[in-house]
């Protein structure tokens, strides 16, 4: 997709391209308006506010990237964050692992239902 097409897509969604100068000016205005946040608190607030968009971007990459390595890396990131990292010995916390519990439930139901 070229820049012109990307700009048209943003306009269709009633969005504008990200302007870093404008973003910094907005942050400066917020600080002047009396939000007595230190830099760390400001960074945490911005991360918290933008987390849903970041998650959507990662999931989009995992599902739609044209690069297989990117899809794998994004998918692995999602799995690691949701289910926990896998080590050579298995999941880091198998007792509380959702996948292990789900698998055990499936095995139990198959055993009960034959």
N, C-alpha and C. Protein backbone atom coordinates (compact mmCIF):
# COMPACT_ATOMS: atom_id res chain seq x y z
N UNK A 1 0.85 -1.17 0.00
CA UNK A 1 0.00 0.00 0.00
C UNK A 1 0.90 1.23 0.00
N UNK A 2 0.63 2.16 -0.90
CA UNK A 2 1.44 3.37 -0.96
C UNK A 2 0.91 4.42 0.03
N UNK A 3 1.66 5.49 0.22
CA UNK A 3 1.30 6.53 1.19
C UNK A 3 -0.04 7.17 0.85
N UNK A 4 -0.30 7.39 -0.42
CA UNK A 4 -1.56 8.01 -0.82
C UNK A 4 -2.75 7.13 -0.42
N UNK A 5 -2.64 5.83 -0.66
CA UNK A 5 -3.70 4.90 -0.28
C UNK A 5 -3.86 4.86 1.24
N UNK A 6 -2.75 4.86 1.97
CA UNK A 6 -2.81 4.85 3.43
C UNK A 6 -3.50 6.10 3.96
N UNK A 7 -3.19 7.26 3.37
CA UNK A 7 -3.85 8.50 3.78
C UNK A 7 -5.35 8.47 3.48
N UNK A 8 -5.72 7.90 2.33
CA UNK A 8 -7.14 7.77 2.00
C UNK A 8 -7.85 6.86 2.99
N UNK A 9 -7.19 5.76 3.38
CA UNK A 9 -7.78 4.85 4.37
C UNK A 9 -7.99 5.56 5.70
N UNK A 10 -7.02 6.36 6.11
CA UNK A 10 -7.16 7.11 7.37
C UNK A 10 -8.31 8.10 7.28
N UNK A 11 -8.42 8.81 6.16
CA UNK A 11 -9.51 9.76 5.98
C UNK A 11 -10.86 9.06 6.02
N UNK A 12 -10.95 7.89 5.41
CA UNK A 12 -12.21 7.14 5.40
C UNK A 12 -12.61 6.74 6.81
N UNK A 13 -11.64 6.52 7.66
CA UNK A 13 -11.92 6.14 9.05
C UNK A 13 -11.99 7.37 9.96
N UNK A 14 -11.94 8.56 9.35
CA UNK A 14 -11.99 9.82 10.10
C UNK A 14 -10.79 9.95 11.04
N UNK A 15 -9.63 9.48 10.60
CA UNK A 15 -8.39 9.57 11.36
C UNK A 15 -7.39 10.40 10.57
N UNK A 16 -6.38 10.90 11.26
CA UNK A 16 -5.34 11.63 10.56
C UNK A 16 -4.01 10.94 10.81
N UNK A 17 -3.05 11.12 9.91
CA UNK A 17 -1.73 10.52 10.14
C UNK A 17 -1.12 11.06 11.43
N UNK A 18 -0.29 10.25 12.07
CA UNK A 18 0.34 10.66 13.32
C UNK A 18 1.36 11.74 13.05
N UNK A 19 1.26 12.81 13.80
CA UNK A 19 2.16 13.95 13.67
C UNK A 19 2.94 14.07 14.97
N UNK A 20 4.22 13.68 14.99
CA UNK A 20 4.97 13.70 16.24
C UNK A 20 5.11 15.09 16.84
N UNK A 21 5.22 16.12 16.02
CA UNK A 21 5.33 17.48 16.54
C UNK A 21 4.05 17.85 17.27
N UNK A 22 2.91 17.54 16.68
CA UNK A 22 1.62 17.82 17.32
C UNK A 22 1.47 17.01 18.61
N UNK A 23 1.91 15.76 18.58
CA UNK A 23 1.81 14.91 19.77
C UNK A 23 2.62 15.49 20.92
N UNK A 24 3.84 15.95 20.64
CA UNK A 24 4.67 16.54 21.68
C UNK A 24 4.07 17.85 22.19
N UNK A 25 3.51 18.64 21.29
CA UNK A 25 2.85 19.88 21.71
C UNK A 25 1.67 19.57 22.62
N UNK A 26 0.91 18.53 22.30
CA UNK A 26 -0.23 18.14 23.14
C UNK A 26 0.23 17.73 24.53
N UNK A 27 1.31 16.98 24.60
CA UNK A 27 1.84 16.58 25.90
C UNK A 27 2.31 17.79 26.70
N UNK A 28 2.96 18.72 26.03
CA UNK A 28 3.41 19.94 26.70
C UNK A 28 2.22 20.73 27.23
N UNK A 29 1.16 20.82 26.44
CA UNK A 29 -0.05 21.51 26.87
C UNK A 29 -0.67 20.83 28.08
N UNK A 30 -0.70 19.50 28.08
CA UNK A 30 -1.23 18.77 29.23
C UNK A 30 -0.43 19.07 30.48
N UNK A 31 0.89 19.09 30.36
CA UNK A 31 1.74 19.37 31.52
C UNK A 31 1.49 20.78 32.03
N UNK A 32 1.30 21.74 31.13
CA UNK A 32 1.04 23.13 31.53
C UNK A 32 -0.34 23.27 32.17
N UNK A 33 -1.27 22.40 31.78
CA UNK A 33 -2.65 22.49 32.28
C UNK A 33 -2.76 22.07 33.74
N UNK A 34 -1.66 21.60 34.31
CA UNK A 34 -1.70 21.31 35.73
C UNK A 34 -1.70 19.85 36.09
N UNK A 35 -1.54 18.98 35.12
CA UNK A 35 -1.41 17.58 35.48
C UNK A 35 -0.03 17.42 36.11
N UNK A 36 0.01 17.23 37.39
CA UNK A 36 1.27 17.19 38.12
C UNK A 36 1.91 15.81 38.07
N UNK A 37 1.99 15.27 36.88
CA UNK A 37 2.60 13.96 36.70
C UNK A 37 4.10 14.13 36.48
N UNK A 38 4.87 13.23 37.05
CA UNK A 38 6.27 13.21 36.68
C UNK A 38 6.38 12.44 35.36
N UNK A 39 7.57 12.38 34.80
CA UNK A 39 7.75 11.73 33.49
C UNK A 39 7.37 10.26 33.52
N UNK A 40 7.70 9.59 34.62
CA UNK A 40 7.38 8.16 34.75
C UNK A 40 5.87 7.95 34.76
N UNK A 41 5.16 8.75 35.55
CA UNK A 41 3.70 8.63 35.62
C UNK A 41 3.07 8.96 34.27
N UNK A 42 3.61 9.96 33.60
CA UNK A 42 3.10 10.32 32.27
C UNK A 42 3.30 9.18 31.29
N UNK A 43 4.49 8.58 31.30
CA UNK A 43 4.76 7.46 30.39
C UNK A 43 3.83 6.29 30.69
N UNK A 44 3.63 5.96 31.97
CA UNK A 44 2.73 4.85 32.33
C UNK A 44 1.30 5.15 31.88
N UNK A 45 0.85 6.38 32.06
CA UNK A 45 -0.51 6.75 31.64
C UNK A 45 -0.66 6.60 30.13
N UNK A 46 0.33 7.08 29.38
CA UNK A 46 0.26 6.97 27.92
C UNK A 46 0.26 5.51 27.47
N UNK A 47 1.10 4.68 28.10
CA UNK A 47 1.11 3.26 27.77
C UNK A 47 -0.22 2.61 28.09
N UNK A 48 -0.78 2.93 29.26
CA UNK A 48 -2.07 2.36 29.67
C UNK A 48 -3.17 2.78 28.70
N UNK A 49 -3.19 4.06 28.32
CA UNK A 49 -4.23 4.55 27.42
C UNK A 49 -4.12 3.94 26.02
N UNK A 50 -2.92 3.61 25.61
CA UNK A 50 -2.71 3.12 24.25
C UNK A 50 -2.53 1.61 24.16
N UNK A 51 -2.61 0.92 25.28
CA UNK A 51 -2.46 -0.54 25.29
C UNK A 51 -3.46 -1.25 24.37
N UNK A 52 -4.74 -0.87 24.38
CA UNK A 52 -5.67 -1.58 23.49
C UNK A 52 -5.28 -1.49 22.01
N UNK A 53 -4.83 -0.32 21.57
CA UNK A 53 -4.41 -0.17 20.18
C UNK A 53 -3.15 -0.99 19.90
N UNK A 54 -2.23 -1.04 20.86
CA UNK A 54 -1.01 -1.83 20.68
C UNK A 54 -1.36 -3.31 20.56
N UNK A 55 -2.28 -3.77 21.39
CA UNK A 55 -2.69 -5.18 21.33
C UNK A 55 -3.33 -5.48 19.97
N UNK A 56 -4.18 -4.60 19.51
CA UNK A 56 -4.81 -4.81 18.20
C UNK A 56 -3.76 -4.86 17.09
N UNK A 57 -2.75 -4.00 17.18
CA UNK A 57 -1.70 -3.99 16.17
C UNK A 57 -0.93 -5.31 16.17
N UNK A 58 -0.61 -5.82 17.36
CA UNK A 58 0.14 -7.09 17.45
C UNK A 58 -0.70 -8.24 16.90
N UNK A 59 -1.97 -8.28 17.27
CA UNK A 59 -2.85 -9.35 16.78
C UNK A 59 -3.02 -9.23 15.27
N UNK A 60 -3.14 -8.02 14.77
CA UNK A 60 -3.26 -7.82 13.32
C UNK A 60 -2.01 -8.35 12.61
N UNK A 61 -0.83 -8.04 13.16
CA UNK A 61 0.41 -8.56 12.56
C UNK A 61 0.43 -10.09 12.60
N UNK A 62 0.01 -10.66 13.71
CA UNK A 62 0.02 -12.12 13.86
C UNK A 62 -0.88 -12.78 12.82
N UNK A 63 -1.95 -12.12 12.46
CA UNK A 63 -2.91 -12.71 11.53
C UNK A 63 -2.70 -12.31 10.09
N UNK A 64 -2.14 -11.13 9.85
CA UNK A 64 -2.17 -10.59 8.48
C UNK A 64 -0.84 -10.18 7.88
N UNK A 65 0.24 -10.24 8.63
CA UNK A 65 1.51 -9.81 8.07
C UNK A 65 1.87 -10.65 6.84
N UNK A 66 2.44 -10.01 5.84
CA UNK A 66 2.87 -10.76 4.66
C UNK A 66 4.18 -11.50 4.92
N UNK A 67 4.84 -11.17 6.01
CA UNK A 67 6.10 -11.81 6.37
C UNK A 67 5.84 -12.89 7.41
N UNK A 68 6.18 -14.12 7.05
CA UNK A 68 5.92 -15.26 7.93
C UNK A 68 6.64 -15.14 9.27
N UNK A 69 7.87 -14.64 9.27
CA UNK A 69 8.62 -14.48 10.52
C UNK A 69 7.94 -13.47 11.44
N UNK A 70 7.41 -12.40 10.86
CA UNK A 70 6.69 -11.40 11.65
C UNK A 70 5.43 -11.99 12.24
N UNK A 71 4.67 -12.76 11.44
CA UNK A 71 3.46 -13.41 11.95
C UNK A 71 3.79 -14.32 13.12
N UNK A 72 4.84 -15.13 12.95
CA UNK A 72 5.24 -16.06 14.01
C UNK A 72 5.65 -15.31 15.27
N UNK A 73 6.46 -14.28 15.13
CA UNK A 73 6.94 -13.53 16.29
C UNK A 73 5.78 -12.86 17.02
N UNK A 74 4.85 -12.26 16.29
CA UNK A 74 3.70 -11.62 16.90
C UNK A 74 2.80 -12.64 17.58
N UNK A 75 2.58 -13.77 16.92
CA UNK A 75 1.74 -14.82 17.51
C UNK A 75 2.40 -15.37 18.77
N UNK A 76 3.70 -15.59 18.72
CA UNK A 76 4.42 -16.10 19.89
C UNK A 76 4.33 -15.11 21.05
N UNK A 77 4.42 -13.83 20.75
CA UNK A 77 4.30 -12.81 21.79
C UNK A 77 2.93 -12.89 22.47
N UNK A 78 1.88 -13.02 21.67
CA UNK A 78 0.53 -13.12 22.22
C UNK A 78 0.40 -14.36 23.09
N UNK A 79 0.86 -15.49 22.60
CA UNK A 79 0.78 -16.74 23.36
C UNK A 79 1.56 -16.62 24.66
N UNK A 80 2.77 -16.09 24.60
CA UNK A 80 3.59 -15.93 25.81
C UNK A 80 2.91 -15.03 26.83
N UNK A 81 2.28 -13.97 26.38
CA UNK A 81 1.65 -13.04 27.31
C UNK A 81 0.38 -13.63 27.94
N UNK A 82 -0.34 -14.43 27.17
CA UNK A 82 -1.59 -14.99 27.66
C UNK A 82 -1.37 -16.27 28.46
N UNK A 83 -0.50 -17.14 27.94
CA UNK A 83 -0.34 -18.46 28.54
C UNK A 83 0.94 -18.63 29.33
N UNK A 84 1.86 -17.72 29.21
CA UNK A 84 3.14 -17.84 29.89
C UNK A 84 4.18 -18.40 28.95
N UNK A 85 5.42 -18.11 29.25
CA UNK A 85 6.52 -18.57 28.40
C UNK A 85 6.75 -20.07 28.60
N UNK A 86 7.20 -20.68 27.55
CA UNK A 86 7.51 -22.11 27.59
C UNK A 86 9.03 -22.25 27.76
N UNK A 87 9.42 -23.14 28.66
CA UNK A 87 10.84 -23.44 28.86
C UNK A 87 11.09 -24.86 28.39
N UNK A 88 12.30 -25.32 28.48
CA UNK A 88 12.61 -26.68 28.07
C UNK A 88 11.84 -27.69 28.91
N UNK A 89 11.59 -27.35 30.16
CA UNK A 89 10.88 -28.26 31.06
C UNK A 89 9.37 -28.13 30.97
N UNK A 90 8.88 -27.26 30.15
CA UNK A 90 7.44 -27.05 30.03
C UNK A 90 7.10 -25.61 30.35
N UNK A 91 5.83 -25.36 30.58
CA UNK A 91 5.39 -24.01 30.91
C UNK A 91 5.98 -23.59 32.25
N UNK A 92 6.21 -22.32 32.40
CA UNK A 92 6.81 -21.83 33.64
C UNK A 92 5.94 -22.13 34.85
N UNK A 93 4.64 -22.11 34.68
CA UNK A 93 3.74 -22.32 35.82
C UNK A 93 2.63 -23.26 35.38
N UNK A 94 2.97 -24.52 35.23
CA UNK A 94 2.00 -25.48 34.69
C UNK A 94 0.77 -25.63 35.55
N UNK A 95 0.89 -25.48 36.87
CA UNK A 95 -0.25 -25.67 37.77
C UNK A 95 -1.34 -24.64 37.49
N UNK A 96 -0.95 -23.43 37.12
CA UNK A 96 -1.92 -22.37 36.88
C UNK A 96 -2.05 -22.02 35.40
N UNK A 97 -1.52 -22.85 34.55
CA UNK A 97 -1.54 -22.57 33.12
C UNK A 97 -2.91 -22.85 32.53
N UNK A 98 -3.52 -21.87 31.86
CA UNK A 98 -4.85 -22.08 31.27
C UNK A 98 -4.88 -23.19 30.22
N UNK A 99 -3.83 -23.31 29.42
CA UNK A 99 -3.82 -24.34 28.39
C UNK A 99 -3.76 -25.73 29.02
N UNK A 100 -2.94 -25.89 30.06
CA UNK A 100 -2.85 -27.18 30.74
C UNK A 100 -4.18 -27.55 31.36
N UNK A 101 -4.87 -26.58 31.98
CA UNK A 101 -6.19 -26.85 32.57
C UNK A 101 -7.20 -27.21 31.48
N UNK A 102 -7.16 -26.48 30.36
CA UNK A 102 -8.07 -26.75 29.25
C UNK A 102 -7.83 -28.16 28.68
N UNK A 103 -6.56 -28.50 28.48
CA UNK A 103 -6.21 -29.82 27.96
C UNK A 103 -6.67 -30.92 28.91
N UNK A 104 -6.46 -30.72 30.21
CA UNK A 104 -6.89 -31.71 31.20
C UNK A 104 -8.41 -31.87 31.18
N UNK A 105 -9.13 -30.76 31.00
CA UNK A 105 -10.59 -30.82 30.94
C UNK A 105 -11.03 -31.59 29.69
N UNK A 106 -10.37 -31.35 28.56
CA UNK A 106 -10.70 -32.07 27.33
C UNK A 106 -10.47 -33.57 27.50
N UNK A 107 -9.32 -33.93 28.06
CA UNK A 107 -9.00 -35.33 28.28
C UNK A 107 -10.01 -35.97 29.20
N UNK A 108 -10.42 -35.24 30.25
CA UNK A 108 -11.40 -35.75 31.19
C UNK A 108 -12.75 -35.98 30.52
N UNK A 109 -13.18 -35.03 29.70
CA UNK A 109 -14.47 -35.15 29.02
C UNK A 109 -14.47 -36.28 28.00
N UNK A 110 -13.35 -36.44 27.30
CA UNK A 110 -13.24 -37.54 26.34
C UNK A 110 -13.30 -38.86 27.10
N UNK A 111 -12.62 -38.93 28.24
CA UNK A 111 -12.64 -40.14 29.04
C UNK A 111 -14.03 -40.48 29.56
N UNK A 112 -14.81 -39.45 29.95
CA UNK A 112 -16.15 -39.66 30.45
C UNK A 112 -17.12 -40.05 29.34
N UNK A 113 -16.94 -39.44 28.17
CA UNK A 113 -17.87 -39.66 27.06
C UNK A 113 -17.42 -40.75 26.10
N UNK A 114 -16.27 -41.32 26.38
CA UNK A 114 -15.76 -42.43 25.56
C UNK A 114 -15.27 -41.97 24.28
